[in-house]
């Protein structure tokens, strides 16, 4: 049985954990998809598995670059929203979507 004193979280930590749950679920689902891809391609042989692994590595570089870009955009939008500049929020989001796509 767990000691209840070890599991206590303050309200800020609970709020952050609640906000982080969708990100955690997304990352776990991405890992599951990668494992499933490896299992499916691995049944075809080691050469197709190596080719798929190489392609995933090549695809990951721009994918992570866009992910980092989206973290920057969320900070900028939060700052403008905190300043009550809703039009600038929309402009930032539109430009970010244009660049990312």
N, C-alpha and C. Protein backbone atom coordinates (compact mmCIF):
# COMPACT_ATOMS: atom_id res chain seq x y z
N UNK A 1 0.85 -1.18 0.00
CA UNK A 1 0.00 0.00 0.00
C UNK A 1 0.89 1.23 0.00
N UNK A 2 0.54 2.21 -0.83
CA UNK A 2 1.35 3.42 -0.93
C UNK A 2 1.05 4.34 0.25
N UNK A 3 2.09 4.98 0.69
CA UNK A 3 1.93 5.97 1.74
C UNK A 3 1.33 7.23 1.11
N UNK A 4 0.24 7.75 1.66
CA UNK A 4 -0.45 8.88 1.06
C UNK A 4 0.39 10.14 1.07
N UNK A 5 1.37 10.23 1.94
CA UNK A 5 2.22 11.41 1.98
C UNK A 5 3.15 11.49 0.78
N UNK A 6 3.46 10.36 0.17
CA UNK A 6 4.35 10.35 -0.98
C UNK A 6 3.64 10.76 -2.27
N UNK A 7 2.35 10.66 -2.32
CA UNK A 7 1.60 10.88 -3.55
C UNK A 7 0.96 12.26 -3.60
N UNK A 8 1.13 13.07 -2.60
CA UNK A 8 0.50 14.38 -2.55
C UNK A 8 1.10 15.31 -3.59
N UNK A 9 0.23 15.97 -4.32
CA UNK A 9 0.63 16.98 -5.30
C UNK A 9 -0.06 18.28 -4.93
N UNK A 10 0.66 19.37 -5.11
CA UNK A 10 -0.01 20.64 -4.86
C UNK A 10 -0.89 20.99 -6.06
N UNK A 11 -1.69 22.04 -5.96
CA UNK A 11 -2.67 22.35 -7.01
C UNK A 11 -1.99 22.69 -8.34
N UNK A 12 -0.84 23.35 -8.31
CA UNK A 12 -0.14 23.67 -9.56
C UNK A 12 0.33 22.41 -10.26
N UNK A 13 0.86 21.47 -9.49
CA UNK A 13 1.33 20.23 -10.08
C UNK A 13 0.17 19.43 -10.66
N UNK A 14 -0.98 19.43 -10.00
CA UNK A 14 -2.15 18.74 -10.53
C UNK A 14 -2.61 19.38 -11.84
N UNK A 15 -2.63 20.71 -11.88
CA UNK A 15 -3.05 21.40 -13.11
C UNK A 15 -2.10 21.12 -14.26
N UNK A 16 -0.80 21.10 -13.97
CA UNK A 16 0.18 20.82 -15.02
C UNK A 16 0.04 19.38 -15.50
N UNK A 17 -0.19 18.46 -14.59
CA UNK A 17 -0.39 17.06 -14.97
C UNK A 17 -1.63 16.90 -15.83
N UNK A 18 -2.70 17.58 -15.49
CA UNK A 18 -3.92 17.51 -16.29
C UNK A 18 -3.68 18.06 -17.69
N UNK A 19 -2.93 19.16 -17.78
CA UNK A 19 -2.61 19.72 -19.10
C UNK A 19 -1.68 18.81 -19.90
N UNK A 20 -0.83 18.08 -19.21
CA UNK A 20 0.15 17.25 -19.89
C UNK A 20 -0.42 15.90 -20.35
N UNK A 21 -1.55 15.49 -19.83
CA UNK A 21 -2.09 14.17 -20.18
C UNK A 21 -2.32 13.98 -21.69
N UNK A 22 -2.87 14.94 -22.42
CA UNK A 22 -3.00 14.72 -23.87
C UNK A 22 -1.65 14.59 -24.58
N UNK A 23 -0.65 15.32 -24.12
CA UNK A 23 0.68 15.21 -24.72
C UNK A 23 1.28 13.85 -24.43
N UNK A 24 1.11 13.38 -23.21
CA UNK A 24 1.60 12.06 -22.84
C UNK A 24 0.93 10.99 -23.68
N UNK A 25 -0.39 11.09 -23.83
CA UNK A 25 -1.13 10.12 -24.63
C UNK A 25 -0.67 10.16 -26.09
N UNK A 26 -0.44 11.35 -26.62
CA UNK A 26 0.04 11.47 -28.00
C UNK A 26 1.41 10.85 -28.20
N UNK A 27 2.31 11.08 -27.26
CA UNK A 27 3.65 10.50 -27.37
C UNK A 27 3.60 8.97 -27.27
N UNK A 28 2.78 8.46 -26.35
CA UNK A 28 2.65 7.01 -26.22
C UNK A 28 2.05 6.40 -27.48
N UNK A 29 1.05 7.06 -28.06
CA UNK A 29 0.46 6.52 -29.28
C UNK A 29 1.46 6.54 -30.43
N UNK A 30 2.31 7.56 -30.48
CA UNK A 30 3.34 7.61 -31.52
C UNK A 30 4.32 6.45 -31.37
N UNK A 31 4.69 6.15 -30.14
CA UNK A 31 5.59 5.00 -29.91
C UNK A 31 4.93 3.69 -30.31
N UNK A 32 3.64 3.55 -30.00
CA UNK A 32 2.92 2.33 -30.36
C UNK A 32 2.85 2.18 -31.87
N UNK A 33 2.62 3.27 -32.58
CA UNK A 33 2.58 3.22 -34.05
C UNK A 33 3.94 2.81 -34.60
N UNK A 34 5.02 3.34 -34.04
CA UNK A 34 6.36 2.98 -34.52
C UNK A 34 6.66 1.50 -34.28
N UNK A 35 6.27 1.00 -33.12
CA UNK A 35 6.49 -0.43 -32.82
C UNK A 35 5.66 -1.29 -33.76
N UNK A 36 4.42 -0.89 -34.01
CA UNK A 36 3.56 -1.65 -34.91
C UNK A 36 4.12 -1.64 -36.33
N UNK A 37 4.63 -0.50 -36.77
CA UNK A 37 5.26 -0.43 -38.10
C UNK A 37 6.44 -1.38 -38.19
N UNK A 38 7.27 -1.39 -37.16
CA UNK A 38 8.45 -2.28 -37.17
C UNK A 38 8.04 -3.75 -37.20
N UNK A 39 7.00 -4.09 -36.47
CA UNK A 39 6.54 -5.48 -36.48
C UNK A 39 5.99 -5.87 -37.85
N UNK A 40 5.19 -4.98 -38.44
CA UNK A 40 4.60 -5.31 -39.73
C UNK A 40 5.65 -5.39 -40.84
N UNK A 41 6.58 -4.44 -40.86
CA UNK A 41 7.60 -4.45 -41.91
C UNK A 41 8.63 -5.54 -41.64
N UNK A 42 8.89 -5.82 -40.38
CA UNK A 42 9.85 -6.86 -40.03
C UNK A 42 9.46 -8.23 -40.55
N UNK A 43 8.19 -8.46 -40.72
CA UNK A 43 7.74 -9.75 -41.25
C UNK A 43 8.13 -9.93 -42.72
N UNK A 44 8.42 -8.81 -43.40
CA UNK A 44 8.80 -8.88 -44.81
C UNK A 44 10.28 -9.23 -45.00
N UNK A 45 11.08 -9.01 -43.97
CA UNK A 45 12.51 -9.32 -44.06
C UNK A 45 13.35 -8.19 -43.48
N UNK A 46 14.65 -8.46 -43.40
CA UNK A 46 15.54 -7.48 -42.77
C UNK A 46 15.85 -6.30 -43.69
N UNK A 47 15.85 -6.50 -45.02
CA UNK A 47 16.12 -5.39 -45.93
C UNK A 47 14.96 -4.37 -45.91
N UNK A 48 13.71 -4.80 -46.02
CA UNK A 48 12.62 -3.81 -45.91
C UNK A 48 12.57 -3.14 -44.54
N UNK A 49 12.92 -3.88 -43.49
CA UNK A 49 12.94 -3.29 -42.15
C UNK A 49 14.02 -2.22 -42.06
N UNK A 50 15.19 -2.48 -42.64
CA UNK A 50 16.26 -1.49 -42.65
C UNK A 50 15.85 -0.26 -43.46
N UNK A 51 15.19 -0.47 -44.60
CA UNK A 51 14.74 0.64 -45.43
C UNK A 51 13.70 1.49 -44.69
N UNK A 52 12.78 0.82 -44.01
CA UNK A 52 11.75 1.55 -43.26
C UNK A 52 12.38 2.33 -42.11
N UNK A 53 13.35 1.74 -41.44
CA UNK A 53 14.03 2.43 -40.34
C UNK A 53 14.78 3.66 -40.84
N UNK A 54 15.43 3.52 -41.98
CA UNK A 54 16.13 4.67 -42.58
C UNK A 54 15.14 5.77 -42.94
N UNK A 55 14.02 5.40 -43.52
CA UNK A 55 13.03 6.40 -43.91
C UNK A 55 12.45 7.10 -42.69
N UNK A 56 12.22 6.37 -41.62
CA UNK A 56 11.71 6.98 -40.39
C UNK A 56 12.73 7.97 -39.84
N UNK A 57 14.00 7.64 -39.92
CA UNK A 57 15.04 8.56 -39.45
C UNK A 57 15.08 9.82 -40.29
N UNK A 58 14.94 9.68 -41.60
CA UNK A 58 14.96 10.85 -42.49
C UNK A 58 13.72 11.70 -42.25
N UNK A 59 12.59 11.06 -42.06
CA UNK A 59 11.33 11.79 -41.84
C UNK A 59 11.32 12.50 -40.49
N UNK A 60 12.03 11.98 -39.51
CA UNK A 60 12.00 12.54 -38.16
C UNK A 60 12.62 13.93 -38.08
N UNK A 61 13.61 14.23 -38.89
CA UNK A 61 14.30 15.52 -38.80
C UNK A 61 13.34 16.68 -39.08
N UNK A 62 12.65 16.73 -40.23
CA UNK A 62 11.71 17.84 -40.42
C UNK A 62 10.53 17.79 -39.46
N UNK A 63 10.15 16.59 -39.07
CA UNK A 63 9.04 16.47 -38.13
C UNK A 63 9.38 17.11 -36.79
N UNK A 64 10.57 16.86 -36.27
CA UNK A 64 10.98 17.47 -35.00
C UNK A 64 11.20 18.97 -35.15
N UNK A 65 11.63 19.41 -36.32
CA UNK A 65 11.80 20.85 -36.54
C UNK A 65 10.45 21.55 -36.47
N UNK A 66 9.43 20.97 -37.09
CA UNK A 66 8.09 21.55 -37.02
C UNK A 66 7.53 21.49 -35.61
N UNK A 67 7.86 20.44 -34.88
CA UNK A 67 7.41 20.33 -33.49
C UNK A 67 8.01 21.44 -32.64
N UNK A 68 9.29 21.70 -32.80
CA UNK A 68 9.92 22.79 -32.07
C UNK A 68 9.34 24.13 -32.45
N UNK A 69 9.03 24.29 -33.73
CA UNK A 69 8.41 25.52 -34.21
C UNK A 69 7.05 25.72 -33.56
N UNK A 70 6.29 24.64 -33.40
CA UNK A 70 4.97 24.76 -32.79
C UNK A 70 5.06 25.12 -31.31
N UNK A 71 6.10 24.69 -30.63
CA UNK A 71 6.28 25.10 -29.23
C UNK A 71 6.51 26.60 -29.14
N UNK A 72 7.27 27.14 -30.06
CA UNK A 72 7.51 28.58 -30.10
C UNK A 72 6.21 29.33 -30.36
N UNK A 73 5.42 28.85 -31.28
CA UNK A 73 4.17 29.52 -31.64
C UNK A 73 3.22 29.54 -30.46
N UNK A 74 3.12 28.45 -29.71
CA UNK A 74 2.20 28.43 -28.58
C UNK A 74 2.61 29.45 -27.52
N UNK A 75 3.89 29.66 -27.33
CA UNK A 75 4.34 30.68 -26.38
C UNK A 75 4.00 32.07 -26.86
N UNK A 76 4.20 32.33 -28.15
CA UNK A 76 3.88 33.65 -28.69
C UNK A 76 2.38 33.94 -28.61
N UNK A 77 1.56 32.95 -28.93
CA UNK A 77 0.12 33.14 -28.87
C UNK A 77 -0.34 33.35 -27.44
N UNK A 78 0.22 32.60 -26.50
CA UNK A 78 -0.15 32.78 -25.09
C UNK A 78 0.22 34.17 -24.60
N UNK A 79 1.37 34.66 -25.03
CA UNK A 79 1.79 36.01 -24.63
C UNK A 79 0.82 37.07 -25.17
N UNK A 80 0.47 36.95 -26.45
CA UNK A 80 -0.44 37.94 -27.05
C UNK A 80 -1.85 37.82 -26.47
N UNK A 81 -2.26 36.62 -26.17
CA UNK A 81 -3.58 36.46 -25.55
C UNK A 81 -3.60 37.05 -24.15
N UNK A 82 -2.51 36.90 -23.42
CA UNK A 82 -2.41 37.51 -22.10
C UNK A 82 -2.45 39.02 -22.16
N UNK A 83 -1.99 39.60 -23.27
CA UNK A 83 -2.04 41.05 -23.47
C UNK A 83 -3.36 41.49 -24.10
N UNK A 84 -4.28 40.54 -24.31
CA UNK A 84 -5.60 40.81 -24.90
C UNK A 84 -5.50 41.31 -26.34
N UNK A 85 -4.51 40.84 -27.08
CA UNK A 85 -4.33 41.21 -28.48
C UNK A 85 -4.76 40.02 -29.35
N UNK A 86 -6.06 39.83 -29.44
CA UNK A 86 -6.62 38.66 -30.10
C UNK A 86 -6.31 38.66 -31.60
N UNK A 87 -6.31 39.83 -32.23
CA UNK A 87 -6.03 39.90 -33.67
C UNK A 87 -4.61 39.42 -33.97
N UNK A 88 -3.68 39.77 -33.10
CA UNK A 88 -2.29 39.31 -33.30
C UNK A 88 -2.18 37.81 -33.08
N UNK A 89 -2.98 37.26 -32.17
CA UNK A 89 -3.01 35.80 -31.98
C UNK A 89 -3.40 35.10 -33.28
N UNK A 90 -4.47 35.61 -33.89
CA UNK A 90 -4.94 35.01 -35.14
C UNK A 90 -3.89 35.14 -36.23
N UNK A 91 -3.22 36.27 -36.28
CA UNK A 91 -2.18 36.47 -37.29
C UNK A 91 -1.01 35.50 -37.10
N UNK A 92 -0.60 35.34 -35.86
CA UNK A 92 0.50 34.41 -35.56
C UNK A 92 0.11 32.99 -35.93
N UNK A 93 -1.09 32.58 -35.56
CA UNK A 93 -1.55 31.22 -35.87
C UNK A 93 -1.66 30.99 -37.37
N UNK A 94 -2.19 31.97 -38.10
CA UNK A 94 -2.31 31.83 -39.54
C UNK A 94 -0.94 31.71 -40.20
N UNK A 95 -0.01 32.56 -39.81
CA UNK A 95 1.34 32.50 -40.39
C UNK A 95 2.05 31.21 -40.03
N UNK A 96 1.86 30.75 -38.80
CA UNK A 96 2.49 29.49 -38.38
C UNK A 96 1.94 28.32 -39.16
N UNK A 97 0.62 28.29 -39.36
CA UNK A 97 0.02 27.22 -40.13
C UNK A 97 0.50 27.24 -41.57
N UNK A 98 0.66 28.42 -42.13
CA UNK A 98 1.15 28.55 -43.49
C UNK A 98 2.57 28.03 -43.62
N UNK A 99 3.43 28.40 -42.69
CA UNK A 99 4.83 27.96 -42.74
C UNK A 99 4.94 26.46 -42.49
N UNK A 100 4.18 25.94 -41.55
CA UNK A 100 4.28 24.54 -41.18
C UNK A 100 3.78 23.63 -42.30
N UNK A 101 2.72 24.05 -42.95
CA UNK A 101 2.17 23.22 -44.03
C UNK A 101 3.03 23.36 -45.24
